[in-house]
Amino acid sequence: MSEKNEQGKRAARDRLVQQRERQRASERRRRTLIVTSAVVGVLALAAVVGVIAANSGGKSGKREAGPLVAPSGATGKDSLAIQVGADDAPSTLTIWEDFRCPVCAQFENAFRDTVHQLENSGQIKVEYHLATIIDGNLGGSGSLRAANAAACAQDAGKFPAYHDVLYRNQPQESVDTFGDNDKLIELAGKVPGLDTPGFRGCVNAGRHDSWVQKSNTAFQNGGFQGTPTALLNGESIFPKKGSEPITAANLKKWVAEANKGKKPGTVTPAPSGS
């Protein structure tokens, strides 16, 4: 009788174990279904956002890129850089940016004052390269049009100030506000002396579109990981340099180390409105 009881207990335990396994399997299937549904929902939302961005080309509509015209004073290989700061500054900060890129705005808003301080004291010159990554990823034309407008501002000697205005007023990544030329011209009103018939004509005609596209091609062929890319004398410093993260204090330290024993550059007064 004792052996039969023991067998009965074992059978009951086995049934309980099997029942628990079935419950676990059912719970795993339920979680998988929930996760799969969530992923599908996210992808569907991303697709909707992409469609919205792709169809928000701004009031000016599509335009064909004309002949390649570099902005005034463009420097570097193929004249694809816009320089800010003294020509003879001992160090060069190279920045690749996209005006629709939210991380670029975070970078600019965090380090703007430090970069300008280093520029204005002749410690560095900054070479800006413009890319259109977000247009390619989400559709729309805001990266291209904002970059063209910034190049138009360079023609007017107002690039630094307009560059900063664009980043201070950057829209959400998925909203192609900069695809509207009227908005870019409106923002030019925040830079004294920039909103002129010449600037408006340059923006509306897309005078520098082909130059921006060539710059973007150079970015794609350069092996860079994304925007922003920041290089101090050719060495990557964003998001870190070696094992040190980028901070305002570290950026000043890195520049001081690079410039040790070198004279500051010859700084000329910034144009009005810069």
Foldseek 3Di string as FASTA:
>chain_A
DVVVVVVVVVVVVVVVVVVVVVVVVVVVVVVVVVVVVVVVVVVVVLVVLLVQQQPCLAPLDDDDADDADFFPPQDDDVSQWDKAAFPVALKEKEKEAFLLDLVQLVVCVQCVVLVVVCRQFQLYMYIYGAAHVLCVVRNYCLRLLLVQLLSLCVNVLQNVLLVNLSSVPHDHSSHSPSSHLVVSLVSLVLFPPQNDPSSSVSSSNSNNSVSNVVSNVCVVVVPDPDPTFIDMRRATQVCHGPPGGDHSVVVVVVSCVSQVPHDGGDGDDRPGRD
